[in-house]
Protein backbone atom coordinates (compact mmCIF):
# COMPACT_ATOMS: atom_id res chain seq x y z
CA UNK A 1 -14.92 52.15 47.67
CA UNK A 2 -17.68 54.03 49.50
CA UNK A 3 -18.67 52.93 52.96
CA UNK A 4 -21.30 50.19 52.97
CA UNK A 5 -24.35 51.61 54.74
CA UNK A 6 -26.86 48.92 55.68
CA UNK A 7 -29.69 51.50 55.59
CA UNK A 8 -29.04 51.94 51.87
CA UNK A 9 -27.72 48.52 50.80
CA UNK A 10 -30.24 46.44 52.76
CA UNK A 11 -33.15 48.85 53.07
CA UNK A 12 -35.73 46.07 52.69
CA UNK A 13 -34.31 44.25 55.74
CA UNK A 14 -33.68 47.18 58.08
CA UNK A 15 -36.08 49.95 57.07
CA UNK A 16 -39.50 48.38 56.50
CA UNK A 17 -42.68 50.44 56.53
CA UNK A 18 -45.06 50.66 59.46
CA UNK A 19 -47.40 48.33 57.62
CA UNK A 20 -46.67 44.56 57.50
CA UNK A 21 -44.98 43.07 54.46
CA UNK A 22 -43.68 39.70 53.32
CA UNK A 23 -39.96 39.26 52.72
CA UNK A 24 -37.45 36.53 51.88
CA UNK A 25 -34.56 36.87 54.34
CA UNK A 26 -31.24 35.54 53.00
CA UNK A 27 -28.52 33.63 54.84
CA UNK A 28 -26.67 35.99 57.19
CA UNK A 29 -23.70 35.57 59.56
CA UNK A 30 -23.93 36.98 63.05
CA UNK A 31 -21.80 37.31 66.15
CA UNK A 32 -24.25 36.06 68.78
CA UNK A 33 -24.62 35.34 72.48
CA UNK A 34 -27.36 33.09 73.87
CA UNK A 35 -29.01 33.87 77.18
CA UNK A 36 -32.19 33.84 79.21
CA UNK A 37 -34.01 36.07 81.65
CA UNK A 38 -35.03 39.71 81.89
CA UNK A 39 -33.50 41.92 79.14
CA UNK A 40 -33.31 44.71 81.72
CA UNK A 41 -30.78 42.68 83.71
CA UNK A 42 -27.07 43.33 84.03
CA UNK A 43 -26.34 40.05 82.23
CA UNK A 44 -28.16 41.23 79.10
CA UNK A 45 -26.36 44.56 79.17
CA UNK A 46 -22.96 42.88 79.50
CA UNK A 47 -23.82 40.54 76.62
CA UNK A 48 -24.66 43.47 74.34
CA UNK A 49 -21.51 45.29 75.44
CA UNK A 50 -19.45 42.23 74.48
CA UNK A 51 -21.11 42.11 71.06
CA UNK A 52 -20.41 45.77 70.36
CA UNK A 53 -16.80 45.47 71.56
CA UNK A 54 -16.20 42.59 69.16
CA UNK A 55 -18.07 44.20 66.26
CA UNK A 56 -16.11 47.44 66.51
CA UNK A 57 -12.85 45.49 66.71
CA UNK A 58 -13.75 44.00 63.32
CA UNK A 59 -14.85 47.38 61.97
CA UNK A 60 -11.60 49.12 62.99
CA UNK A 61 -9.31 46.28 61.88
CA UNK A 62 -8.18 48.30 58.84
CA UNK A 63 -5.96 50.23 61.27
CA UNK A 64 -4.09 47.08 62.30
CA UNK A 65 -0.81 45.88 60.85
CA UNK A 66 -2.60 42.90 59.35
CA UNK A 67 -5.67 44.29 57.58
CA UNK A 68 -8.12 41.49 56.68
CA UNK A 69 -8.18 40.35 53.07
CA UNK A 70 -11.09 41.86 51.13
CA UNK A 71 -11.74 44.39 53.90
CA UNK A 72 -14.23 47.15 53.06
CA UNK A 73 -15.46 50.06 55.12
CA UNK A 74 -18.98 49.75 56.48
CA UNK A 75 -21.41 50.94 59.12
CA UNK A 76 -21.71 48.53 62.05
CA UNK A 77 -25.05 46.75 61.84
CA UNK A 78 -27.72 47.28 64.52
CA UNK A 79 -28.28 45.05 67.52
CA UNK A 80 -30.80 42.25 66.98
CA UNK A 81 -32.53 39.82 69.29
CA UNK A 82 -34.27 36.50 68.66
CA UNK A 83 -36.83 35.88 71.40
CA UNK A 84 -38.64 32.85 72.79
CA UNK A 85 -40.22 31.72 76.07
CA UNK A 86 -38.88 29.05 78.42
CA UNK A 87 -42.40 28.10 79.56
CA UNK A 88 -45.34 28.82 77.22
CA UNK A 89 -47.79 28.42 80.10
CA UNK A 90 -46.56 31.69 81.59
CA UNK A 91 -47.63 35.13 80.43
CA UNK A 92 -45.38 37.06 78.03
CA UNK A 93 -45.22 39.86 80.59
CA UNK A 94 -43.03 37.63 82.79
CA UNK A 95 -39.67 38.76 81.45
CA UNK A 96 -37.77 36.31 83.66
CA UNK A 97 -39.23 33.60 81.39
CA UNK A 98 -37.52 34.92 78.25
CA UNK A 99 -34.97 32.95 76.23
CA UNK A 100 -32.97 34.94 73.71
CA UNK A 101 -30.08 35.15 71.32
CA UNK A 102 -28.73 38.68 71.01
CA UNK A 103 -26.60 39.35 67.92
CA UNK A 104 -24.99 41.76 65.45
CA UNK A 105 -24.59 41.02 61.75
CA UNK A 106 -20.98 40.78 60.55
CA UNK A 107 -19.34 41.81 57.24
CA UNK A 108 -18.81 39.25 54.47
CA UNK A 109 -15.01 39.31 54.82
CA UNK A 110 -15.15 37.91 58.38
CA UNK A 111 -13.95 34.31 58.03
CA UNK A 112 -13.91 31.71 60.81
CA UNK A 113 -10.18 32.34 61.25
CA UNK A 114 -10.64 36.10 61.49
CA UNK A 115 -13.45 35.58 63.99
CA UNK A 116 -11.08 33.74 66.32
CA UNK A 117 -8.41 36.40 65.82
CA UNK A 118 -10.67 39.34 66.65
CA UNK A 119 -12.33 37.51 69.51
CA UNK A 120 -8.92 36.93 71.09
CA UNK A 121 -7.92 40.56 70.55
CA UNK A 122 -11.18 41.82 72.04
CA UNK A 123 -10.75 39.68 75.16
CA UNK A 124 -7.37 41.33 75.74
CA UNK A 125 -8.50 44.92 75.06
CA UNK A 126 -12.04 44.81 76.45
CA UNK A 127 -12.21 42.03 79.08
CA UNK A 128 -15.75 40.73 79.48
CA UNK A 129 -16.69 37.21 80.61
CA UNK A 130 -19.56 37.20 78.10
CA UNK A 131 -17.04 37.15 75.26
CA UNK A 132 -16.51 33.48 76.20
CA UNK A 133 -20.11 32.88 75.09
CA UNK A 134 -19.81 34.70 71.77
CA UNK A 135 -20.29 32.55 68.67
CA UNK A 136 -20.27 33.08 64.92
CA UNK A 137 -23.63 31.82 63.66
CA UNK A 138 -25.00 31.40 60.14
CA UNK A 139 -28.77 31.91 60.07
CA UNK A 140 -31.29 31.47 57.25
CA UNK A 141 -34.76 32.75 58.11
CA UNK A 142 -36.37 32.45 54.69
CA UNK A 143 -39.99 33.66 54.21
CA UNK A 144 -40.98 36.14 56.91
CA UNK A 145 -43.48 38.82 57.81
CA UNK A 146 -42.07 42.05 59.18
CA UNK A 147 -43.00 45.62 60.00
CA UNK A 148 -41.59 48.69 61.73
CA UNK A 149 -42.90 49.08 65.28
CA UNK A 150 -42.88 52.65 66.58
CA UNK A 151 -43.18 52.89 70.33
CA UNK A 152 -42.32 51.13 73.57
CA UNK A 153 -41.16 47.51 73.57
CA UNK A 154 -44.05 46.58 75.88
CA UNK A 155 -46.50 47.73 73.18
CA UNK A 156 -45.18 45.27 70.57
CA UNK A 157 -48.08 42.76 70.98
CA UNK A 158 -50.35 45.21 69.13
CA UNK A 159 -48.01 45.22 66.12
CA UNK A 160 -47.69 41.43 66.22
CA UNK A 161 -51.47 41.14 66.07
CA UNK A 162 -51.50 43.44 63.03
CA UNK A 163 -48.88 41.23 61.39
CA UNK A 164 -50.87 38.09 62.16
CA UNK A 165 -54.01 39.52 60.55
CA UNK A 166 -52.00 40.62 57.50
CA UNK A 167 -50.68 37.09 57.05
CA UNK A 168 -54.14 35.55 57.31
CA UNK A 169 -55.53 37.93 54.69
CA UNK A 170 -52.68 37.05 52.33
CA UNK A 171 -52.81 33.28 52.66
CA UNK A 172 -49.91 32.89 55.11
CA UNK A 173 -49.55 31.83 58.71
CA UNK A 174 -46.96 32.22 61.41
CA UNK A 175 -45.01 28.96 61.74
CA UNK A 176 -42.94 29.68 64.86
CA UNK A 177 -43.53 31.38 68.19
CA UNK A 178 -39.96 32.67 68.02
CA UNK A 179 -39.57 36.20 66.68
CA UNK A 180 -36.78 38.63 65.78
CA UNK A 181 -36.37 42.25 66.83
CA UNK A 182 -33.94 44.71 65.20
CA UNK A 183 -33.22 47.76 67.33
CA UNK A 184 -32.86 50.91 65.24
CA UNK A 185 -32.96 53.26 68.24
CA UNK A 186 -30.81 53.61 71.35
CA UNK A 187 -33.22 53.25 74.31
CA UNK A 188 -30.80 55.25 76.45
CA UNK A 189 -31.24 58.31 74.23
CA UNK A 190 -34.74 57.85 72.79
CA UNK A 191 -38.16 58.35 74.36
CA UNK A 192 -40.10 55.10 74.65
CA UNK A 193 -42.83 56.37 72.33
CA UNK A 194 -40.28 57.12 69.59
CA UNK A 195 -38.33 53.86 69.64
CA UNK A 196 -38.02 52.21 66.22
CA UNK A 197 -37.88 48.40 66.16
CA UNK A 198 -38.16 46.00 63.23
CA UNK A 199 -40.38 43.05 64.19
CA UNK A 200 -40.16 39.83 62.19
CA UNK A 201 -41.35 36.22 62.35
CA UNK A 202 -41.22 33.21 60.01
CA UNK A 203 -44.24 32.40 57.87
CA UNK A 204 -45.48 29.70 55.52
CA UNK A 205 -48.32 29.29 53.06
CA UNK A 206 -51.53 28.19 54.77
CA UNK A 207 -52.07 24.53 53.99
CA UNK A 208 -55.84 24.99 53.63
CA UNK A 209 -55.49 28.07 51.44
CA UNK A 210 -57.38 27.75 48.13
């Protein structure tokens, strides 16, 4: 079987256009770590490192003596973050006020039992206290608006405003202040103006829409 490449298999979820669109997001399982505070902090970096360590342990498990049942080769999914604010009275520029869940999508063959197995193996091979916070979560987003944001993370409000206007013109409205970001670029190797990030938030039909 050919390697599963999320850019080809799930193009609608991970490679949207730079114009807003509506999408139905299915139920997906993630390895996730919840946290709060500035994403530029050491804690956030250690959380993402823990996620990648676990995800690559699952990816490379075909080399183990006990290869998982139904294993298939695949490209590790990109890092994602679900973002909220602790205090809505504060400005969004106050990054210490952020609440987040950082995560990486996992392959279908990863059962609850295999999750515990690989988590234990990762703790031994790549010690990281944030692995103690790692959970396997099943998330269903449903109807959403999304678009590809090109540029610095701090410039995302402009894209969110474009998405909001798109929803209004199409009879939808944003139903949650929480939003998702999918990071398609490595900020360590990419200029801020060239960063590619999928932005997404949940929507519903406007109740007063004719």
